Amino acid sequence: MFIQITNIFVGIMIILIPFMLLFVLVKKIFVKRQGKRKFGT
């Protein structure tokens, strides 16, 4: 039972980590763009 729970947790982590990295990357790009424009949409 314990092994199954850890396997599910590892699976979730493997799925979530790339999404988190992508989110951080997009956030950095967005901040850079906003910095250049000085919030002028």
PDB file of N, CA and C in Angstrom:
ATOM      1  N   MET A   1       0.835  -1.209   0.000  1.00  0.00           N
ATOM      2  CA  MET A   1       0.000   0.000   0.000  1.00  0.00           C
ATOM      3  C   MET A   1       0.868   1.257   0.000  1.00  0.00           C
ATOM      4  N   PHE A   2       1.872   1.268   0.872  1.00  0.00           N
ATOM      5  CA  PHE A   2       2.764   2.435   0.976  1.00  0.00           C
ATOM      6  C   PHE A   2       3.513   2.679  -0.335  1.00  0.00           C
ATOM      7  N   ILE A   3       3.930   1.581  -0.986  1.00  0.00           N
ATOM      8  CA  ILE A   3       4.662   1.687  -2.257  1.00  0.00           C
ATOM      9  C   ILE A   3       3.774   2.319  -3.332  1.00  0.00           C
ATOM     10  N   GLN A   4       2.496   1.945  -3.360  1.00  0.00           N
ATOM     11  CA  GLN A   4       1.554   2.508  -4.339  1.00  0.00           C
ATOM     12  C   GLN A   4       1.423   4.019  -4.162  1.00  0.00           C
ATOM     13  N   ILE A   5       1.308   4.458  -2.907  1.00  0.00           N
ATOM     14  CA  ILE A   5       1.153   5.890  -2.608  1.00  0.00           C
ATOM     15  C   ILE A   5       2.387   6.657  -3.081  1.00  0.00           C
ATOM     16  N   THR A   6       3.575   6.129  -2.809  1.00  0.00           N
ATOM     17  CA  THR A   6       4.808   6.806  -3.222  1.00  0.00           C
ATOM     18  C   THR A   6       4.918   6.850  -4.741  1.00  0.00           C
ATOM     19  N   ASN A   7       4.501   5.782  -5.407  1.00  0.00           N
ATOM     20  CA  ASN A   7       4.524   5.747  -6.875  1.00  0.00           C
ATOM     21  C   ASN A   7       3.619   6.820  -7.466  1.00  0.00           C
ATOM     22  N   ILE A   8       2.427   6.977  -6.899  1.00  0.00           N
ATOM     23  CA  ILE A   8       1.481   8.008  -7.352  1.00  0.00           C
ATOM     24  C   ILE A   8       2.091   9.390  -7.126  1.00  0.00           C
ATOM     25  N   PHE A   9       2.701   9.598  -5.954  1.00  0.00           N
ATOM     26  CA  PHE A   9       3.317  10.886  -5.608  1.00  0.00           C
ATOM     27  C   PHE A   9       4.443  11.224  -6.577  1.00  0.00           C
ATOM     28  N   VAL A  10       5.284  10.237  -6.877  1.00  0.00           N
ATOM     29  CA  VAL A  10       6.389  10.430  -7.827  1.00  0.00           C
ATOM     30  C   VAL A  10       5.839  10.774  -9.211  1.00  0.00           C
ATOM     31  N   GLY A  11       4.782  10.094  -9.608  1.00  0.00           N
ATOM     32  CA  GLY A  11       4.136  10.371 -10.895  1.00  0.00           C
ATOM     33  C   GLY A  11       3.623  11.795 -10.983  1.00  0.00           C
ATOM     34  N   ILE A  12       2.971  12.245  -9.908  1.00  0.00           N
ATOM     35  CA  ILE A  12       2.455  13.621  -9.861  1.00  0.00           C
ATOM     36  C   ILE A  12       3.612  14.613  -9.951  1.00  0.00           C
ATOM     37  N   MET A  13       4.694  14.359  -9.225  1.00  0.00           N
ATOM     38  CA  MET A  13       5.858  15.248  -9.230  1.00  0.00           C
ATOM     39  C   MET A  13       6.450  15.351 -10.631  1.00  0.00           C
ATOM     40  N   ILE A  14       6.601  14.204 -11.306  1.00  0.00           N
ATOM     41  CA  ILE A  14       7.171  14.164 -12.660  1.00  0.00           C
ATOM     42  C   ILE A  14       6.303  14.982 -13.623  1.00  0.00           C
ATOM     43  N   ILE A  15       4.979  14.937 -13.424  1.00  0.00           N
ATOM     44  CA  ILE A  15       4.061  15.696 -14.283  1.00  0.00           C
ATOM     45  C   ILE A  15       4.113  17.189 -13.943  1.00  0.00           C
ATOM     46  N   LEU A  16       4.195  17.510 -12.648  1.00  0.00           N
ATOM     47  CA  LEU A  16       4.075  18.908 -12.206  1.00  0.00           C
ATOM     48  C   LEU A  16       5.350  19.720 -12.410  1.00  0.00           C
ATOM     49  N   ILE A  17       6.525  19.112 -12.217  1.00  0.00           N
ATOM     50  CA  ILE A  17       7.794  19.849 -12.291  1.00  0.00           C
ATOM     51  C   ILE A  17       7.969  20.579 -13.631  1.00  0.00           C
ATOM     52  N   PRO A  18       7.760  19.932 -14.791  1.00  0.00           N
ATOM     53  CA  PRO A  18       7.890  20.654 -16.066  1.00  0.00           C
ATOM     54  C   PRO A  18       6.925  21.832 -16.180  1.00  0.00           C
ATOM     55  N   PHE A  19       5.695  21.664 -15.681  1.00  0.00           N
ATOM     56  CA  PHE A  19       4.709  22.751 -15.707  1.00  0.00           C
ATOM     57  C   PHE A  19       5.178  23.920 -14.853  1.00  0.00           C
ATOM     58  N   MET A  20       5.742  23.612 -13.682  1.00  0.00           N
ATOM     59  CA  MET A  20       6.253  24.652 -12.787  1.00  0.00           C
ATOM     60  C   MET A  20       7.404  25.405 -13.437  1.00  0.00           C
ATOM     61  N   LEU A  21       8.331  24.672 -14.075  1.00  0.00           N
ATOM     62  CA  LEU A  21       9.461  25.299 -14.764  1.00  0.00           C
ATOM     63  C   LEU A  21       8.972  26.187 -15.900  1.00  0.00           C
ATOM     64  N   LEU A  22       7.996  25.695 -16.662  1.00  0.00           N
ATOM     65  CA  LEU A  22       7.416  26.459 -17.767  1.00  0.00           C
ATOM     66  C   LEU A  22       6.767  27.737 -17.240  1.00  0.00           C
ATOM     67  N   PHE A  23       6.036  27.629 -16.126  1.00  0.00           N
ATOM     68  CA  PHE A  23       5.372  28.783 -15.510  1.00  0.00           C
ATOM     69  C   PHE A  23       6.394  29.838 -15.095  1.00  0.00           C
ATOM     70  N   VAL A  24       7.491  29.403 -14.476  1.00  0.00           N
ATOM     71  CA  VAL A  24       8.556  30.323 -14.044  1.00  0.00           C
ATOM     72  C   VAL A  24       9.175  31.014 -15.253  1.00  0.00           C
ATOM     73  N   LEU A  25       9.409  30.244 -16.323  1.00  0.00           N
ATOM     74  CA  LEU A  25      10.006  30.788 -17.543  1.00  0.00           C
ATOM     75  C   LEU A  25       9.098  31.838 -18.169  1.00  0.00           C
ATOM     76  N   VAL A  26       7.816  31.518 -18.298  1.00  0.00           N
ATOM     77  CA  VAL A  26       6.833  32.452 -18.870  1.00  0.00           C
ATOM     78  C   VAL A  26       6.742  33.708 -18.011  1.00  0.00           C
ATOM     79  N   LYS A  27       6.768  33.530 -16.698  1.00  0.00           N
ATOM     80  CA  LYS A  27       6.699  34.656 -15.768  1.00  0.00           C
ATOM     81  C   LYS A  27       7.899  35.583 -15.971  1.00  0.00           C
ATOM     82  N   LYS A  28       9.096  35.009 -16.126  1.00  0.00           N
ATOM     83  CA  LYS A  28      10.308  35.805 -16.347  1.00  0.00           C
ATOM     84  C   LYS A  28      10.204  36.603 -17.640  1.00  0.00           C
ATOM     85  N   ILE A  29       9.751  35.960 -18.717  1.00  0.00           N
ATOM     86  CA  ILE A  29       9.599  36.622 -20.018  1.00  0.00           C
ATOM     87  C   ILE A  29       8.573  37.752 -19.901  1.00  0.00           C
ATOM     88  N   PHE A  30       7.467  37.488 -19.209  1.00  0.00           N
ATOM     89  CA  PHE A  30       6.391  38.475 -19.038  1.00  0.00           C
ATOM     90  C   PHE A  30       6.902  39.693 -18.274  1.00  0.00           C
ATOM     91  N   VAL A  31       7.678  39.450 -17.218  1.00  0.00           N
ATOM     92  CA  VAL A  31       8.243  40.542 -16.409  1.00  0.00           C
ATOM     93  C   VAL A  31       9.215  41.369 -17.247  1.00  0.00           C
ATOM     94  N   LYS A  32      10.029  40.695 -18.063  1.00  0.00           N
ATOM     95  CA  LYS A  32      10.978  41.395 -18.933  1.00  0.00           C
ATOM     96  C   LYS A  32      10.246  42.296 -19.918  1.00  0.00           C
ATOM     97  N   ARG A  33       9.189  41.784 -20.535  1.00  0.00           N
ATOM     98  CA  ARG A  33       8.396  42.556 -21.500  1.00  0.00           C
ATOM     99  C   ARG A  33       7.762  43.763 -20.828  1.00  0.00           C
ATOM    100  N   GLN A  34       7.205  43.554 -19.649  1.00  0.00           N
ATOM    101  CA  GLN A  34       6.562  44.647 -18.904  1.00  0.00           C
ATOM    102  C   GLN A  34       7.595  45.709 -18.522  1.00  0.00           C
ATOM    103  N   GLY A  35       8.792  45.262 -18.151  1.00  0.00           N
ATOM    104  CA  GLY A  35       9.863  46.185 -17.779  1.00  0.00           C
ATOM    105  C   GLY A  35      10.265  47.081 -18.938  1.00  0.00           C
ATOM    106  N   LYS A  36      10.318  46.512 -20.142  1.00  0.00           N
ATOM    107  CA  LYS A  36      10.689  47.277 -21.335  1.00  0.00           C
ATOM    108  C   LYS A  36       9.606  48.292 -21.703  1.00  0.00           C
ATOM    109  N   ARG A  37       8.351  47.875 -21.586  1.00  0.00           N
ATOM    110  CA  ARG A  37       7.225  48.747 -21.961  1.00  0.00           C
ATOM    111  C   ARG A  37       6.900  49.761 -20.867  1.00  0.00           C
ATOM    112  N   LYS A  38       7.331  49.482 -19.655  1.00  0.00           N
ATOM    113  CA  LYS A  38       6.972  50.297 -18.479  1.00  0.00           C
ATOM    114  C   LYS A  38       5.456  50.316 -18.289  1.00  0.00           C
ATOM    115  N   PHE A  39       4.844  49.166 -18.351  1.00  0.00           N
ATOM    116  CA  PHE A  39       3.410  48.950 -18.103  1.00  0.00           C
ATOM    117  C   PHE A  39       2.514  49.683 -19.094  1.00  0.00           C
ATOM    118  N   GLY A  40       3.020  50.045 -20.253  1.00  0.00           N
ATOM    119  CA  GLY A  40       2.200  50.699 -21.277  1.00  0.00           C
ATOM    120  C   GLY A  40       1.627  49.677 -22.230  1.00  0.00           C
ATOM    121  N   THR A  41       0.346  49.357 -22.065  1.00  0.00           N
ATOM    122  CA  THR A  41      -0.290  48.341 -22.923  1.00  0.00           C
ATOM    123  C   THR A  41      -0.774  48.987 -24.206  1.00  0.00           C
TER     124      THR A  41
END
